[in-house]
Amino acid sequence: MPIHIIGPIKMTLAILGLLMSIAWVVIWVVVLFKRWNKPLLSSIVLG
């Protein structure tokens, strides 16, 4: 493949990987927040 095609593909894959990891973090925070809905946890999440 030409180089000008490989560049955008690599960037797209990097962005997708970043979005996937962010999505996993958000999902885990929501799951843990629902499972242990304590004042300490909510204060950590809300900062």
N, C-alpha and C. Protein backbone atom coordinates (compact mmCIF):
# COMPACT_ATOMS: atom_id res chain seq x y z
N MET A 1 0.84 -1.21 0.00
CA MET A 1 0.00 0.00 0.00
C MET A 1 0.87 1.25 0.00
N PRO A 2 0.40 2.28 -0.67
CA PRO A 2 1.14 3.55 -0.65
C PRO A 2 1.18 4.14 0.76
N ILE A 3 2.22 4.93 1.01
CA ILE A 3 2.42 5.48 2.35
C ILE A 3 1.27 6.42 2.75
N HIS A 4 0.73 7.17 1.79
CA HIS A 4 -0.31 8.14 2.13
C HIS A 4 -1.61 7.44 2.53
N ILE A 5 -1.72 6.14 2.29
CA ILE A 5 -2.88 5.37 2.76
C ILE A 5 -2.60 4.76 4.13
N ILE A 6 -1.36 4.33 4.35
CA ILE A 6 -0.99 3.69 5.63
C ILE A 6 -1.12 4.68 6.78
N GLY A 7 -0.76 5.93 6.57
CA GLY A 7 -0.81 6.94 7.64
C GLY A 7 -2.19 7.08 8.27
N PRO A 8 -3.21 7.43 7.46
CA PRO A 8 -4.57 7.57 8.01
C PRO A 8 -5.09 6.29 8.65
N ILE A 9 -4.71 5.12 8.10
CA ILE A 9 -5.16 3.85 8.69
C ILE A 9 -4.57 3.69 10.08
N LYS A 10 -3.28 3.97 10.23
CA LYS A 10 -2.65 3.87 11.55
C LYS A 10 -3.29 4.84 12.53
N MET A 11 -3.57 6.06 12.08
CA MET A 11 -4.17 7.07 12.95
C MET A 11 -5.58 6.63 13.36
N THR A 12 -6.33 6.07 12.40
CA THR A 12 -7.68 5.61 12.71
C THR A 12 -7.65 4.48 13.73
N LEU A 13 -6.72 3.54 13.56
CA LEU A 13 -6.60 2.43 14.51
C LEU A 13 -6.21 2.94 15.89
N ALA A 14 -5.32 3.92 15.94
CA ALA A 14 -4.90 4.48 17.23
C ALA A 14 -6.08 5.15 17.93
N ILE A 15 -6.88 5.90 17.17
CA ILE A 15 -8.04 6.59 17.75
C ILE A 15 -9.07 5.56 18.23
N LEU A 16 -9.29 4.51 17.43
CA LEU A 16 -10.24 3.47 17.83
C LEU A 16 -9.77 2.77 19.10
N GLY A 17 -8.49 2.48 19.20
CA GLY A 17 -7.95 1.84 20.40
C GLY A 17 -8.12 2.73 21.62
N LEU A 18 -7.89 4.03 21.44
CA LEU A 18 -8.06 4.97 22.55
C LEU A 18 -9.52 5.02 22.99
N LEU A 19 -10.44 5.07 22.03
CA LEU A 19 -11.86 5.11 22.36
C LEU A 19 -12.30 3.83 23.06
N MET A 20 -11.77 2.68 22.61
CA MET A 20 -12.13 1.41 23.23
C MET A 20 -11.66 1.37 24.68
N SER A 21 -10.43 1.83 24.93
CA SER A 21 -9.92 1.80 26.31
C SER A 21 -10.71 2.77 27.20
N ILE A 22 -11.06 3.93 26.66
CA ILE A 22 -11.88 4.89 27.43
C ILE A 22 -13.24 4.28 27.73
N ALA A 23 -13.83 3.60 26.73
CA ALA A 23 -15.14 2.98 26.92
C ALA A 23 -15.07 1.91 28.01
N TRP A 24 -13.99 1.10 28.03
CA TRP A 24 -13.84 0.07 29.07
C TRP A 24 -13.76 0.71 30.45
N VAL A 25 -12.99 1.80 30.57
CA VAL A 25 -12.87 2.47 31.87
C VAL A 25 -14.23 2.99 32.33
N VAL A 26 -14.97 3.62 31.42
CA VAL A 26 -16.29 4.15 31.77
C VAL A 26 -17.24 3.03 32.19
N ILE A 27 -17.21 1.92 31.44
CA ILE A 27 -18.08 0.78 31.78
C ILE A 27 -17.74 0.25 33.17
N TRP A 28 -16.45 0.07 33.47
CA TRP A 28 -16.05 -0.44 34.78
C TRP A 28 -16.45 0.50 35.90
N VAL A 29 -16.28 1.82 35.68
CA VAL A 29 -16.67 2.80 36.71
C VAL A 29 -18.17 2.70 36.99
N VAL A 30 -18.97 2.59 35.92
CA VAL A 30 -20.42 2.50 36.10
C VAL A 30 -20.80 1.20 36.82
N VAL A 31 -20.18 0.08 36.42
CA VAL A 31 -20.49 -1.21 37.05
C VAL A 31 -20.12 -1.19 38.53
N LEU A 32 -18.92 -0.73 38.84
CA LEU A 32 -18.48 -0.70 40.23
C LEU A 32 -19.32 0.29 41.04
N PHE A 33 -19.70 1.41 40.40
CA PHE A 33 -20.49 2.41 41.11
C PHE A 33 -21.87 1.84 41.46
N LYS A 34 -22.44 1.05 40.55
CA LYS A 34 -23.75 0.46 40.83
C LYS A 34 -23.64 -0.66 41.87
N ARG A 35 -22.51 -1.38 41.83
CA ARG A 35 -22.34 -2.52 42.74
C ARG A 35 -22.07 -2.04 44.16
N TRP A 36 -21.19 -1.05 44.30
CA TRP A 36 -20.86 -0.53 45.64
C TRP A 36 -21.16 0.96 45.67
N ASN A 37 -22.43 1.30 45.86
CA ASN A 37 -22.83 2.70 45.83
C ASN A 37 -22.66 3.29 47.23
N LYS A 38 -21.42 3.59 47.58
CA LYS A 38 -21.11 4.12 48.91
C LYS A 38 -20.72 5.59 48.80
N PRO A 39 -20.85 6.36 49.88
CA PRO A 39 -20.46 7.78 49.85
C PRO A 39 -19.00 7.98 49.46
N LEU A 40 -18.12 7.06 49.90
CA LEU A 40 -16.70 7.19 49.57
C LEU A 40 -16.48 7.07 48.07
N LEU A 41 -17.12 6.07 47.46
CA LEU A 41 -16.95 5.87 46.02
C LEU A 41 -17.51 7.05 45.23
N SER A 42 -18.68 7.52 45.63
CA SER A 42 -19.28 8.64 44.90
C SER A 42 -18.42 9.90 45.03
N SER A 43 -17.80 10.10 46.19
CA SER A 43 -16.94 11.27 46.35
C SER A 43 -15.69 11.15 45.48
N ILE A 44 -15.18 9.92 45.31
CA ILE A 44 -14.02 9.72 44.44
C ILE A 44 -14.40 9.98 42.99
N VAL A 45 -15.56 9.45 42.57
CA VAL A 45 -15.99 9.62 41.18
C VAL A 45 -16.29 11.08 40.87
N LEU A 46 -16.95 11.77 41.79
CA LEU A 46 -17.32 13.16 41.55
C LEU A 46 -16.16 14.12 41.82
N GLY A 47 -15.10 13.63 42.45
CA GLY A 47 -13.96 14.47 42.69
C GLY A 47 -14.15 15.38 43.88
